[in-house]
Amino acid sequence: MLEIEKGYESVNKTFRIPVNIVEQLERLAGENNTSVNKVVVQCLQYALDNISTDSSDDKK
Protein backbone atom coordinates (compact mmCIF):
# COMPACT_ATOMS: atom_id res chain seq x y z
CA MET A 1 0.00 0.00 0.00
CA LEU A 2 1.21 3.51 -0.80
CA GLU A 3 2.17 5.57 2.23
CA ILE A 4 2.30 9.33 1.85
CA GLU A 5 5.32 10.86 3.58
CA LYS A 6 4.21 12.93 6.52
CA GLY A 7 5.73 16.16 7.67
CA TYR A 8 4.68 18.62 5.03
CA GLU A 9 1.64 19.52 2.99
CA SER A 10 2.09 18.91 -0.73
CA VAL A 11 0.39 19.70 -4.00
CA ASN A 12 0.59 18.08 -7.44
CA LYS A 13 2.07 20.20 -10.25
CA THR A 14 3.21 19.36 -13.76
CA PHE A 15 6.48 20.73 -15.12
CA ARG A 16 8.27 20.25 -18.41
CA ILE A 17 11.87 19.31 -17.67
CA PRO A 18 14.58 18.70 -20.29
CA VAL A 19 15.42 15.03 -20.79
CA ASN A 20 19.07 15.44 -19.75
CA ILE A 21 18.02 16.94 -16.40
CA VAL A 22 15.52 14.14 -15.78
CA GLU A 23 18.25 11.59 -16.51
CA GLN A 24 20.54 13.26 -13.97
CA LEU A 25 17.76 13.37 -11.36
CA GLU A 26 16.96 9.69 -11.92
CA ARG A 27 20.65 8.78 -11.62
CA LEU A 28 20.97 10.71 -8.35
CA ALA A 29 17.83 9.09 -6.97
CA GLY A 30 19.09 5.63 -7.86
CA GLU A 31 22.54 6.24 -6.39
CA ASN A 32 20.96 7.43 -3.15
CA ASN A 33 18.18 4.83 -2.99
CA THR A 34 15.45 7.48 -2.90
CA SER A 35 12.68 8.77 -5.14
CA VAL A 36 13.10 11.25 -7.95
CA ASN A 37 10.47 13.37 -6.22
CA LYS A 38 12.58 13.65 -3.06
CA VAL A 39 15.64 14.62 -5.13
CA VAL A 40 13.64 17.28 -6.99
CA VAL A 41 12.22 18.72 -3.76
CA GLN A 42 15.69 18.85 -2.20
CA CYS A 43 17.18 20.51 -5.31
CA LEU A 44 14.39 23.08 -5.44
CA GLN A 45 14.73 23.86 -1.74
CA TYR A 46 18.50 24.28 -2.11
CA ALA A 47 18.00 26.62 -5.08
CA LEU A 48 15.41 28.70 -3.22
CA ASP A 49 17.62 28.90 -0.13
CA ASN A 50 20.61 30.02 -2.17
CA ILE A 51 19.11 32.24 -4.88
CA SER A 52 20.46 35.75 -4.99
CA THR A 53 17.83 38.44 -4.66
CA ASP A 54 20.39 41.24 -4.99
CA SER A 55 19.27 43.35 -7.97
CA SER A 56 22.91 44.31 -8.69
CA ASP A 57 23.54 40.70 -9.79
CA ASP A 58 21.14 41.27 -12.69
CA LYS A 59 23.29 44.09 -14.04
CA LYS A 60 26.49 42.02 -14.37
PDB file of N, CA and C in Angstrom:
ATOM      1  N   MET A   1       0.839  -1.177   0.000  1.00  0.00           N
ATOM      2  CA  MET A   1       0.000   0.000   0.000  1.00  0.00           C
ATOM      3  C   MET A   1       0.890   1.247   0.000  1.00  0.00           C
ATOM      4  N   LEU A   2       0.486   2.254  -0.730  1.00  0.00           N
ATOM      5  CA  LEU A   2       1.210   3.515  -0.804  1.00  0.00           C
ATOM      6  C   LEU A   2       1.059   4.290   0.487  1.00  0.00           C
ATOM      7  N   GLU A   3       2.183   4.741   1.030  1.00  0.00           N
ATOM      8  CA  GLU A   3       2.165   5.571   2.226  1.00  0.00           C
ATOM      9  C   GLU A   3       2.690   6.944   1.870  1.00  0.00           C
ATOM     10  N   ILE A   4       1.904   7.953   2.119  1.00  0.00           N
ATOM     11  CA  ILE A   4       2.305   9.330   1.851  1.00  0.00           C
ATOM     12  C   ILE A   4       3.232   9.784   2.970  1.00  0.00           C
ATOM     13  N   GLU A   5       4.378  10.359   2.589  1.00  0.00           N
ATOM     14  CA  GLU A   5       5.323  10.862   3.579  1.00  0.00           C
ATOM     15  C   GLU A   5       4.686  11.995   4.363  1.00  0.00           C
ATOM     16  N   LYS A   6       4.779  11.906   5.654  1.00  0.00           N
ATOM     17  CA  LYS A   6       4.205  12.933   6.517  1.00  0.00           C
ATOM     18  C   LYS A   6       5.252  13.978   6.839  1.00  0.00           C
ATOM     19  N   GLY A   7       4.812  15.134   7.244  1.00  0.00           N
ATOM     20  CA  GLY A   7       5.732  16.158   7.672  1.00  0.00           C
ATOM     21  C   GLY A   7       5.554  17.460   6.918  1.00  0.00           C
ATOM     22  N   TYR A   8       4.946  17.389   5.759  1.00  0.00           N
ATOM     23  CA  TYR A   8       4.681  18.619   5.031  1.00  0.00           C
ATOM     24  C   TYR A   8       3.487  18.434   4.106  1.00  0.00           C
ATOM     25  N   GLU A   9       2.774  19.517   3.914  1.00  0.00           N
ATOM     26  CA  GLU A   9       1.643  19.517   2.991  1.00  0.00           C
ATOM     27  C   GLU A   9       2.207  19.581   1.575  1.00  0.00           C
ATOM     28  N   SER A  10       1.586  18.893   0.648  1.00  0.00           N
ATOM     29  CA  SER A  10       2.086  18.912  -0.726  1.00  0.00           C
ATOM     30  C   SER A  10       0.950  19.142  -1.712  1.00  0.00           C
ATOM     31  N   VAL A  11       1.333  19.462  -2.926  1.00  0.00           N
ATOM     32  CA  VAL A  11       0.388  19.704  -4.002  1.00  0.00           C
ATOM     33  C   VAL A  11       0.971  19.095  -5.271  1.00  0.00           C
ATOM     34  N   ASN A  12       0.124  18.615  -6.162  1.00  0.00           N
ATOM     35  CA  ASN A  12       0.588  18.076  -7.438  1.00  0.00           C
ATOM     36  C   ASN A  12       0.699  19.183  -8.461  1.00  0.00           C
ATOM     37  N   LYS A  13       1.826  19.243  -9.158  1.00  0.00           N
ATOM     38  CA  LYS A  13       2.066  20.198 -10.246  1.00  0.00           C
ATOM     39  C   LYS A  13       2.720  19.443 -11.389  1.00  0.00           C
ATOM     40  N   THR A  14       2.569  19.945 -12.586  1.00  0.00           N
ATOM     41  CA  THR A  14       3.211  19.356 -13.756  1.00  0.00           C
ATOM     42  C   THR A  14       4.203  20.358 -14.314  1.00  0.00           C
ATOM     43  N   PHE A  15       5.437  19.885 -14.553  1.00  0.00           N
ATOM     44  CA  PHE A  15       6.482  20.727 -15.118  1.00  0.00           C
ATOM     45  C   PHE A  15       7.101  20.028 -16.308  1.00  0.00           C
ATOM     46  N   ARG A  16       7.530  20.789 -17.284  1.00  0.00           N
ATOM     47  CA  ARG A  16       8.270  20.248 -18.415  1.00  0.00           C
ATOM     48  C   ARG A  16       9.746  20.427 -18.102  1.00  0.00           C
ATOM     49  N   ILE A  17      10.464  19.299 -18.046  1.00  0.00           N
ATOM     50  CA  ILE A  17      11.875  19.305 -17.675  1.00  0.00           C
ATOM     51  C   ILE A  17      12.662  18.665 -18.809  1.00  0.00           C
ATOM     52  N   PRO A  18      13.765  19.291 -19.227  1.00  0.00           N
ATOM     53  CA  PRO A  18      14.582  18.705 -20.289  1.00  0.00           C
ATOM     54  C   PRO A  18      15.033  17.280 -19.940  1.00  0.00           C
ATOM     55  N   VAL A  19      15.093  16.450 -20.967  1.00  0.00           N
ATOM     56  CA  VAL A  19      15.424  15.032 -20.794  1.00  0.00           C
ATOM     57  C   VAL A  19      16.744  14.848 -20.052  1.00  0.00           C
ATOM     58  N   ASN A  20      17.763  15.633 -20.396  1.00  0.00           N
ATOM     59  CA  ASN A  20      19.067  15.445 -19.750  1.00  0.00           C
ATOM     60  C   ASN A  20      19.005  15.727 -18.245  1.00  0.00           C
ATOM     61  N   ILE A  21      18.161  16.652 -17.832  1.00  0.00           N
ATOM     62  CA  ILE A  21      18.015  16.936 -16.397  1.00  0.00           C
ATOM     63  C   ILE A  21      17.280  15.793 -15.707  1.00  0.00           C
ATOM     64  N   VAL A  22      16.255  15.276 -16.340  1.00  0.00           N
ATOM     65  CA  VAL A  22      15.515  14.140 -15.776  1.00  0.00           C
ATOM     66  C   VAL A  22      16.449  12.945 -15.599  1.00  0.00           C
ATOM     67  N   GLU A  23      17.295  12.709 -16.593  1.00  0.00           N
ATOM     68  CA  GLU A  23      18.245  11.594 -16.505  1.00  0.00           C
ATOM     69  C   GLU A  23      19.194  11.774 -15.322  1.00  0.00           C
ATOM     70  N   GLN A  24      19.650  12.995 -15.106  1.00  0.00           N
ATOM     71  CA  GLN A  24      20.536  13.262 -13.971  1.00  0.00           C
ATOM     72  C   GLN A  24      19.805  13.067 -12.642  1.00  0.00           C
ATOM     73  N   LEU A  25      18.560  13.531 -12.576  1.00  0.00           N
ATOM     74  CA  LEU A  25      17.762  13.373 -11.360  1.00  0.00           C
ATOM     75  C   LEU A  25      17.511  11.893 -11.059  1.00  0.00           C
ATOM     76  N   GLU A  26      17.206  11.129 -12.100  1.00  0.00           N
ATOM     77  CA  GLU A  26      16.962   9.695 -11.919  1.00  0.00           C
ATOM     78  C   GLU A  26      18.229   8.977 -11.465  1.00  0.00           C
ATOM     79  N   ARG A  27      19.378   9.377 -12.015  1.00  0.00           N
ATOM     80  CA  ARG A  27      20.650   8.779 -11.620  1.00  0.00           C
ATOM     81  C   ARG A  27      20.935   9.078 -10.149  1.00  0.00           C
ATOM     82  N   LEU A  28      20.755  10.339  -9.749  1.00  0.00           N
ATOM     83  CA  LEU A  28      20.967  10.711  -8.347  1.00  0.00           C
ATOM     84  C   LEU A  28      20.044   9.942  -7.412  1.00  0.00           C
ATOM     85  N   ALA A  29      18.795   9.819  -7.798  1.00  0.00           N
ATOM     86  CA  ALA A  29      17.830   9.090  -6.971  1.00  0.00           C
ATOM     87  C   ALA A  29      18.251   7.633  -6.818  1.00  0.00           C
ATOM     88  N   GLY A  30      18.651   7.021  -7.919  1.00  0.00           N
ATOM     89  CA  GLY A  30      19.089   5.628  -7.862  1.00  0.00           C
ATOM     90  C   GLY A  30      20.328   5.439  -7.012  1.00  0.00           C
ATOM     91  N   GLU A  31      21.296   6.333  -7.166  1.00  0.00           N
ATOM     92  CA  GLU A  31      22.538   6.243  -6.393  1.00  0.00           C
ATOM     93  C   GLU A  31      22.303   6.428  -4.900  1.00  0.00           C
ATOM     94  N   ASN A  32      21.248   7.140  -4.551  1.00  0.00           N
ATOM     95  CA  ASN A  32      20.957   7.431  -3.151  1.00  0.00           C
ATOM     96  C   ASN A  32      19.762   6.660  -2.612  1.00  0.00           C
ATOM     97  N   ASN A  33      19.287   5.690  -3.401  1.00  0.00           N
ATOM     98  CA  ASN A  33      18.178   4.833  -2.989  1.00  0.00           C
ATOM     99  C   ASN A  33      16.992   5.644  -2.466  1.00  0.00           C
ATOM    100  N   THR A  34      16.584   6.635  -3.260  1.00  0.00           N
ATOM    101  CA  THR A  34      15.453   7.480  -2.900  1.00  0.00           C
ATOM    102  C   THR A  34      14.628   7.760  -4.144  1.00  0.00           C
ATOM    103  N   SER A  35      13.556   8.482  -3.996  1.00  0.00           N
ATOM    104  CA  SER A  35      12.685   8.766  -5.136  1.00  0.00           C
ATOM    105  C   SER A  35      13.161  10.013  -5.886  1.00  0.00           C
ATOM    106  N   VAL A  36      12.807  10.069  -7.144  1.00  0.00           N
ATOM    107  CA  VAL A  36      13.103  11.251  -7.951  1.00  0.00           C
ATOM    108  C   VAL A  36      12.407  12.457  -7.331  1.00  0.00           C
ATOM    109  N   ASN A  37      11.201  12.271  -6.835  1.00  0.00           N
ATOM    110  CA  ASN A  37      10.468  13.371  -6.224  1.00  0.00           C
ATOM    111  C   ASN A  37      11.260  13.980  -5.061  1.00  0.00           C
ATOM    112  N   LYS A  38      11.816  13.140  -4.197  1.00  0.00           N
ATOM    113  CA  LYS A  38      12.582  13.654  -3.058  1.00  0.00           C
ATOM    114  C   LYS A  38      13.816  14.416  -3.534  1.00  0.00           C
ATOM    115  N   VAL A  39      14.468  13.928  -4.587  1.00  0.00           N
ATOM    116  CA  VAL A  39      15.635  14.620  -5.128  1.00  0.00           C
ATOM    117  C   VAL A  39      15.219  15.985  -5.679  1.00  0.00           C
ATOM    118  N   VAL A  40      14.115  16.020  -6.416  1.00  0.00           N
ATOM    119  CA  VAL A  40      13.636  17.284  -6.989  1.00  0.00           C
ATOM    120  C   VAL A  40      13.291  18.277  -5.887  1.00  0.00           C
ATOM    121  N   VAL A  41      12.586  17.829  -4.862  1.00  0.00           N
ATOM    122  CA  VAL A  41      12.223  18.723  -3.760  1.00  0.00           C
ATOM    123  C   VAL A  41      13.474  19.268  -3.082  1.00  0.00           C
ATOM    124  N   GLN A  42      14.459  18.402  -2.847  1.00  0.00           N
ATOM    125  CA  GLN A  42      15.692  18.850  -2.198  1.00  0.00           C
ATOM    126  C   GLN A  42      16.438  19.848  -3.080  1.00  0.00           C
ATOM    127  N   CYS A  43      16.505  19.588  -4.388  1.00  0.00           N
ATOM    128  CA  CYS A  43      17.177  20.510  -5.312  1.00  0.00           C
ATOM    129  C   CYS A  43      16.460  21.861  -5.359  1.00  0.00           C
ATOM    130  N   LEU A  44      15.147  21.831  -5.412  1.00  0.00           N
ATOM    131  CA  LEU A  44      14.392  23.084  -5.444  1.00  0.00           C
ATOM    132  C   LEU A  44      14.573  23.866  -4.150  1.00  0.00           C
ATOM    133  N   GLN A  45      14.544  23.170  -3.019  1.00  0.00           N
ATOM    134  CA  GLN A  45      14.725  23.863  -1.739  1.00  0.00           C
ATOM    135  C   GLN A  45      16.117  24.480  -1.657  1.00  0.00           C
ATOM    136  N   TYR A  46      17.129  23.744  -2.111  1.00  0.00           N
ATOM    137  CA  TYR A  46      18.496  24.280  -2.107  1.00  0.00           C
ATOM    138  C   TYR A  46      18.576  25.533  -2.982  1.00  0.00           C
ATOM    139  N   ALA A  47      17.975  25.472  -4.171  1.00  0.00           N
ATOM    140  CA  ALA A  47      17.998  26.622  -5.083  1.00  0.00           C
ATOM    141  C   ALA A  47      17.295  27.822  -4.456  1.00  0.00           C
ATOM    142  N   LEU A  48      16.151  27.602  -3.852  1.00  0.00           N
ATOM    143  CA  LEU A  48      15.411  28.700  -3.222  1.00  0.00           C
ATOM    144  C   LEU A  48      16.174  29.285  -2.037  1.00  0.00           C
ATOM    145  N   ASP A  49      16.851  28.425  -1.275  1.00  0.00           N
ATOM    146  CA  ASP A  49      17.616  28.900  -0.126  1.00  0.00           C
ATOM    147  C   ASP A  49      18.859  29.682  -0.547  1.00  0.00           C
ATOM    148  N   ASN A  50      19.344  29.437  -1.746  1.00  0.00           N
ATOM    149  CA  ASN A  50      20.607  30.024  -2.173  1.00  0.00           C
ATOM    150  C   ASN A  50      20.493  30.998  -3.333  1.00  0.00           C
ATOM    151  N   ILE A  51      19.300  31.314  -3.757  1.00  0.00           N
ATOM    152  CA  ILE A  51      19.113  32.236  -4.877  1.00  0.00           C
ATOM    153  C   ILE A  51      19.455  33.654  -4.429  1.00  0.00           C
ATOM    154  N   SER A  52      20.099  34.366  -5.299  1.00  0.00           N
ATOM    155  CA  SER A  52      20.460  35.750  -4.990  1.00  0.00           C
ATOM    156  C   SER A  52      19.289  36.650  -5.345  1.00  0.00           C
ATOM    157  N   THR A  53      18.914  37.477  -4.407  1.00  0.00           N
ATOM    158  CA  THR A  53      17.833  38.441  -4.665  1.00  0.00           C
ATOM    159  C   THR A  53      18.393  39.845  -4.799  1.00  0.00           C
ATOM    160  N   ASP A  54      19.721  39.953  -4.850  1.00  0.00           N
ATOM    161  CA  ASP A  54      20.390  41.244  -4.994  1.00  0.00           C
ATOM    162  C   ASP A  54      20.222  41.724  -6.431  1.00  0.00           C
ATOM    163  N   SER A  55      19.544  42.833  -6.617  1.00  0.00           N
ATOM    164  CA  SER A  55      19.273  43.346  -7.971  1.00  0.00           C
ATOM    165  C   SER A  55      20.545  43.726  -8.712  1.00  0.00           C
ATOM    166  N   SER A  56      21.653  43.960  -8.007  1.00  0.00           N
ATOM    167  CA  SER A  56      22.911  44.315  -8.691  1.00  0.00           C
ATOM    168  C   SER A  56      23.466  43.126  -9.449  1.00  0.00           C
ATOM    169  N   ASP A  57      23.099  41.892  -9.056  1.00  0.00           N
ATOM    170  CA  ASP A  57      23.541  40.699  -9.794  1.00  0.00           C
ATOM    171  C   ASP A  57      22.972  40.669 -11.195  1.00  0.00           C
ATOM    172  N   ASP A  58      21.788  41.257 -11.389  1.00  0.00           N
ATOM    173  CA  ASP A  58      21.142  41.270 -12.695  1.00  0.00           C
ATOM    174  C   ASP A  58      21.872  42.164 -13.680  1.00  0.00           C
ATOM    175  N   LYS A  59      22.643  43.105 -13.180  1.00  0.00           N
ATOM    176  CA  LYS A  59      23.289  44.089 -14.040  1.00  0.00           C
ATOM    177  C   LYS A  59      24.670  43.646 -14.492  1.00  0.00           C
ATOM    178  N   LYS A  60      25.164  42.512 -14.003  1.00  0.00           N
ATOM    179  CA  LYS A  60      26.493  42.023 -14.369  1.00  0.00           C
ATOM    180  C   LYS A  60      26.504  41.411 -15.737  1.00  0.00           C
TER     181      LYS A  60
END
